[in-house]
Amino acid sequence: MPTTALNGGADISICSAHKTLGSIQATALINVGKNSIINPQKVKDAFYLMNTSSPNAMLLADVESSVVTMVNEGEYRLAKVIQYNTYFRQRL
């Protein structure tokens, strides 16, 4: 697998959860690197400044569920996707 943006030295990355984690709607995660020169609290403050005061609980629960699934089953699921990809590519 390719290096992630954060492992490649980025200070911040945005993850499209509906594309990478399988959440049901257009949602995203903001990731701040451990060694980032960006203050995570400033990112959080800016997010809250631009965010709605009435977040959609269903979307938040779905993103959280998707993250938990990847934490618990992500290695297995990614291995299966790679296995299927290899299988189908060999048959092309």
N, C-alpha and C. Protein backbone atom coordinates (compact mmCIF):
# COMPACT_ATOMS: atom_id res chain seq x y z
N MET A 1 0.84 -1.18 0.00
CA MET A 1 0.00 0.00 0.00
C MET A 1 0.88 1.24 0.00
N PRO A 2 0.40 2.32 -0.62
CA PRO A 2 1.19 3.55 -0.64
C PRO A 2 1.28 4.19 0.75
N THR A 3 2.28 5.01 0.93
CA THR A 3 2.44 5.74 2.18
C THR A 3 1.29 6.73 2.34
N THR A 4 0.80 6.86 3.55
CA THR A 4 -0.25 7.84 3.81
C THR A 4 0.33 9.25 3.77
N ALA A 5 -0.54 10.23 3.61
CA ALA A 5 -0.08 11.62 3.58
C ALA A 5 0.66 11.99 4.86
N LEU A 6 0.11 11.59 6.00
CA LEU A 6 0.75 11.93 7.28
C LEU A 6 2.08 11.23 7.44
N ASN A 7 2.16 9.96 7.03
CA ASN A 7 3.44 9.25 7.10
C ASN A 7 4.44 9.82 6.10
N GLY A 8 3.94 10.46 5.07
CA GLY A 8 4.81 11.09 4.08
C GLY A 8 5.26 12.48 4.47
N GLY A 9 4.84 12.95 5.64
CA GLY A 9 5.30 14.24 6.13
C GLY A 9 4.28 15.36 6.14
N ALA A 10 3.06 15.09 5.68
CA ALA A 10 2.03 16.14 5.70
C ALA A 10 1.67 16.49 7.15
N ASP A 11 1.31 17.72 7.37
CA ASP A 11 0.90 18.15 8.70
C ASP A 11 -0.57 17.80 8.95
N ILE A 12 -1.38 17.91 7.90
CA ILE A 12 -2.82 17.65 8.00
C ILE A 12 -3.24 16.89 6.74
N SER A 13 -4.21 15.99 6.92
CA SER A 13 -4.82 15.34 5.77
C SER A 13 -6.33 15.28 5.99
N ILE A 14 -7.06 15.25 4.90
CA ILE A 14 -8.51 15.12 4.95
C ILE A 14 -8.85 13.77 4.34
N CYS A 15 -9.61 12.98 5.05
CA CYS A 15 -10.01 11.65 4.58
C CYS A 15 -11.49 11.69 4.23
N SER A 16 -11.80 11.35 3.01
CA SER A 16 -13.18 11.27 2.55
C SER A 16 -13.77 9.95 3.05
N ALA A 17 -14.48 10.00 4.15
CA ALA A 17 -14.95 8.78 4.82
C ALA A 17 -15.90 7.96 3.95
N HIS A 18 -16.70 8.62 3.14
CA HIS A 18 -17.64 7.87 2.29
C HIS A 18 -16.93 7.15 1.15
N LYS A 19 -15.71 7.56 0.83
CA LYS A 19 -14.96 6.88 -0.23
C LYS A 19 -13.99 5.85 0.33
N THR A 20 -13.41 6.13 1.47
CA THR A 20 -12.37 5.23 2.00
C THR A 20 -12.86 4.31 3.11
N LEU A 21 -13.86 4.72 3.86
CA LEU A 21 -14.33 3.91 4.97
C LEU A 21 -15.70 3.29 4.74
N GLY A 22 -16.37 3.71 3.69
CA GLY A 22 -17.67 3.14 3.39
C GLY A 22 -18.83 3.73 4.17
N SER A 23 -18.67 4.95 4.68
CA SER A 23 -19.81 5.58 5.37
C SER A 23 -20.87 5.92 4.33
N ILE A 24 -22.09 6.15 4.77
CA ILE A 24 -23.22 6.22 3.84
C ILE A 24 -23.42 7.57 3.15
N GLN A 25 -22.85 8.62 3.66
CA GLN A 25 -23.03 9.95 3.07
C GLN A 25 -21.68 10.65 2.91
N ALA A 26 -21.70 11.76 2.22
CA ALA A 26 -20.48 12.55 2.01
C ALA A 26 -20.02 13.13 3.34
N THR A 27 -19.03 12.48 3.92
CA THR A 27 -18.47 12.89 5.21
C THR A 27 -16.95 12.81 5.11
N ALA A 28 -16.28 13.50 6.01
CA ALA A 28 -14.82 13.52 5.97
C ALA A 28 -14.26 13.61 7.38
N LEU A 29 -13.00 13.22 7.50
CA LEU A 29 -12.27 13.32 8.76
C LEU A 29 -11.06 14.21 8.56
N ILE A 30 -10.77 15.05 9.55
CA ILE A 30 -9.57 15.88 9.53
C ILE A 30 -8.54 15.18 10.40
N ASN A 31 -7.39 14.89 9.84
CA ASN A 31 -6.33 14.21 10.57
C ASN A 31 -5.14 15.15 10.73
N VAL A 32 -4.69 15.35 11.96
CA VAL A 32 -3.52 16.17 12.23
C VAL A 32 -2.40 15.23 12.66
N GLY A 33 -1.25 15.35 11.99
CA GLY A 33 -0.12 14.47 12.29
C GLY A 33 0.43 14.67 13.68
N LYS A 34 1.00 13.60 14.24
CA LYS A 34 1.57 13.66 15.60
C LYS A 34 2.70 14.68 15.70
N ASN A 35 3.49 14.82 14.63
CA ASN A 35 4.61 15.76 14.63
C ASN A 35 4.31 17.01 13.81
N SER A 36 3.04 17.31 13.66
CA SER A 36 2.61 18.45 12.85
C SER A 36 3.06 19.77 13.47
N ILE A 37 3.39 20.72 12.59
CA ILE A 37 3.69 22.07 13.08
C ILE A 37 2.40 22.85 13.33
N ILE A 38 1.28 22.26 12.92
CA ILE A 38 -0.03 22.88 13.10
C ILE A 38 -0.57 22.50 14.48
N ASN A 39 -1.03 23.48 15.22
CA ASN A 39 -1.61 23.25 16.54
C ASN A 39 -2.98 22.60 16.37
N PRO A 40 -3.17 21.36 16.87
CA PRO A 40 -4.47 20.69 16.72
C PRO A 40 -5.63 21.48 17.30
N GLN A 41 -5.39 22.23 18.36
CA GLN A 41 -6.47 23.03 18.95
C GLN A 41 -6.92 24.13 17.98
N LYS A 42 -6.00 24.70 17.22
CA LYS A 42 -6.37 25.72 16.23
C LYS A 42 -7.20 25.11 15.12
N VAL A 43 -6.88 23.89 14.72
CA VAL A 43 -7.68 23.20 13.71
C VAL A 43 -9.09 22.97 14.25
N LYS A 44 -9.17 22.52 15.50
CA LYS A 44 -10.47 22.28 16.12
C LYS A 44 -11.27 23.58 16.23
N ASP A 45 -10.60 24.67 16.63
CA ASP A 45 -11.28 25.96 16.74
C ASP A 45 -11.82 26.43 15.39
N ALA A 46 -11.00 26.30 14.35
CA ALA A 46 -11.43 26.70 13.01
C ALA A 46 -12.59 25.84 12.53
N PHE A 47 -12.53 24.55 12.83
CA PHE A 47 -13.62 23.65 12.45
C PHE A 47 -14.92 24.08 13.11
N TYR A 48 -14.88 24.32 14.41
CA TYR A 48 -16.09 24.72 15.12
C TYR A 48 -16.62 26.07 14.65
N LEU A 49 -15.73 26.95 14.23
CA LEU A 49 -16.14 28.25 13.71
C LEU A 49 -16.95 28.09 12.42
N MET A 50 -16.55 27.14 11.57
CA MET A 50 -17.20 26.95 10.27
C MET A 50 -18.30 25.88 10.29
N ASN A 51 -18.38 25.10 11.34
CA ASN A 51 -19.31 23.98 11.41
C ASN A 51 -20.69 24.44 11.86
N THR A 52 -21.66 23.63 11.62
CA THR A 52 -23.03 23.92 12.05
C THR A 52 -23.17 23.71 13.55
N SER A 53 -24.12 24.40 14.14
CA SER A 53 -24.40 24.20 15.56
C SER A 53 -25.37 23.04 15.76
N SER A 54 -25.86 22.48 14.65
CA SER A 54 -26.80 21.35 14.72
C SER A 54 -26.29 20.21 13.84
N PRO A 55 -25.23 19.51 14.26
CA PRO A 55 -24.70 18.43 13.43
C PRO A 55 -25.70 17.29 13.29
N ASN A 56 -25.60 16.59 12.19
CA ASN A 56 -26.48 15.47 11.90
C ASN A 56 -26.00 14.24 12.68
N ALA A 57 -26.76 13.83 13.67
CA ALA A 57 -26.36 12.72 14.54
C ALA A 57 -26.19 11.42 13.76
N MET A 58 -27.01 11.22 12.74
CA MET A 58 -26.91 9.99 11.95
C MET A 58 -25.57 9.94 11.21
N LEU A 59 -25.15 11.06 10.64
CA LEU A 59 -23.87 11.09 9.94
C LEU A 59 -22.70 10.89 10.90
N LEU A 60 -22.77 11.53 12.05
CA LEU A 60 -21.70 11.37 13.04
C LEU A 60 -21.61 9.92 13.52
N ALA A 61 -22.74 9.31 13.78
CA ALA A 61 -22.76 7.92 14.23
C ALA A 61 -22.23 6.99 13.14
N ASP A 62 -22.58 7.28 11.89
CA ASP A 62 -22.12 6.45 10.78
C ASP A 62 -20.61 6.55 10.59
N VAL A 63 -20.07 7.76 10.67
CA VAL A 63 -18.62 7.93 10.54
C VAL A 63 -17.91 7.21 11.70
N GLU A 64 -18.43 7.38 12.91
CA GLU A 64 -17.82 6.72 14.06
C GLU A 64 -17.86 5.21 13.90
N SER A 65 -18.98 4.69 13.43
CA SER A 65 -19.11 3.25 13.20
C SER A 65 -18.12 2.77 12.15
N SER A 66 -17.95 3.55 11.09
CA SER A 66 -17.00 3.20 10.03
C SER A 66 -15.57 3.17 10.56
N VAL A 67 -15.22 4.13 11.39
CA VAL A 67 -13.88 4.18 11.97
C VAL A 67 -13.66 2.97 12.89
N VAL A 68 -14.64 2.67 13.74
CA VAL A 68 -14.53 1.53 14.65
C VAL A 68 -14.39 0.23 13.86
N THR A 69 -15.16 0.09 12.78
CA THR A 69 -15.06 -1.11 11.95
C THR A 69 -13.66 -1.24 11.36
N MET A 70 -13.09 -0.14 10.88
CA MET A 70 -11.74 -0.21 10.31
C MET A 70 -10.69 -0.49 11.38
N VAL A 71 -10.86 0.05 12.56
CA VAL A 71 -9.92 -0.23 13.65
C VAL A 71 -9.96 -1.72 14.00
N ASN A 72 -11.16 -2.27 14.08
CA ASN A 72 -11.32 -3.67 14.49
C ASN A 72 -11.11 -4.68 13.36
N GLU A 73 -11.50 -4.33 12.13
CA GLU A 73 -11.48 -5.29 11.03
C GLU A 73 -10.73 -4.80 9.80
N GLY A 74 -10.14 -3.62 9.89
CA GLY A 74 -9.54 -3.00 8.72
C GLY A 74 -8.46 -3.81 8.05
N GLU A 75 -7.56 -4.38 8.83
CA GLU A 75 -6.47 -5.16 8.24
C GLU A 75 -7.02 -6.35 7.45
N TYR A 76 -7.99 -7.04 8.02
CA TYR A 76 -8.61 -8.17 7.34
C TYR A 76 -9.34 -7.72 6.07
N ARG A 77 -10.13 -6.66 6.19
CA ARG A 77 -10.90 -6.19 5.04
C ARG A 77 -10.00 -5.70 3.91
N LEU A 78 -8.95 -4.98 4.24
CA LEU A 78 -8.04 -4.51 3.20
C LEU A 78 -7.31 -5.68 2.54
N ALA A 79 -6.94 -6.68 3.33
CA ALA A 79 -6.29 -7.86 2.76
C ALA A 79 -7.23 -8.56 1.77
N LYS A 80 -8.51 -8.65 2.11
CA LYS A 80 -9.48 -9.28 1.20
C LYS A 80 -9.64 -8.45 -0.08
N VAL A 81 -9.71 -7.15 0.03
CA VAL A 81 -9.84 -6.29 -1.15
C VAL A 81 -8.62 -6.46 -2.06
N ILE A 82 -7.44 -6.49 -1.48
CA ILE A 82 -6.22 -6.69 -2.26
C ILE A 82 -6.25 -8.07 -2.92
N GLN A 83 -6.70 -9.07 -2.19
CA GLN A 83 -6.81 -10.43 -2.74
C GLN A 83 -7.78 -10.45 -3.92
N TYR A 84 -8.95 -9.85 -3.78
CA TYR A 84 -9.93 -9.81 -4.88
C TYR A 84 -9.38 -9.03 -6.06
N ASN A 85 -8.73 -7.92 -5.79
CA ASN A 85 -8.15 -7.11 -6.85
C ASN A 85 -7.13 -7.91 -7.65
N THR A 86 -6.27 -8.60 -6.96
CA THR A 86 -5.26 -9.43 -7.62
C THR A 86 -5.92 -10.51 -8.46
N TYR A 87 -6.92 -11.16 -7.90
CA TYR A 87 -7.64 -12.22 -8.61
C TYR A 87 -8.24 -11.70 -9.92
N PHE A 88 -8.93 -10.57 -9.86
CA PHE A 88 -9.60 -10.05 -11.05
C PHE A 88 -8.60 -9.48 -12.07
N ARG A 89 -7.55 -8.87 -11.57
CA ARG A 89 -6.54 -8.34 -12.50
C ARG A 89 -5.86 -9.45 -13.29
N GLN A 90 -5.65 -10.59 -12.66
CA GLN A 90 -5.02 -11.72 -13.34
C GLN A 90 -5.93 -12.29 -14.44
N ARG A 91 -7.21 -12.06 -14.33
CA ARG A 91 -8.14 -12.59 -15.31
C ARG A 91 -8.45 -11.61 -16.43
N LEU A 92 -7.92 -10.43 -16.37
CA LEU A 92 -8.13 -9.45 -17.45
C LEU A 92 -7.22 -9.70 -18.61
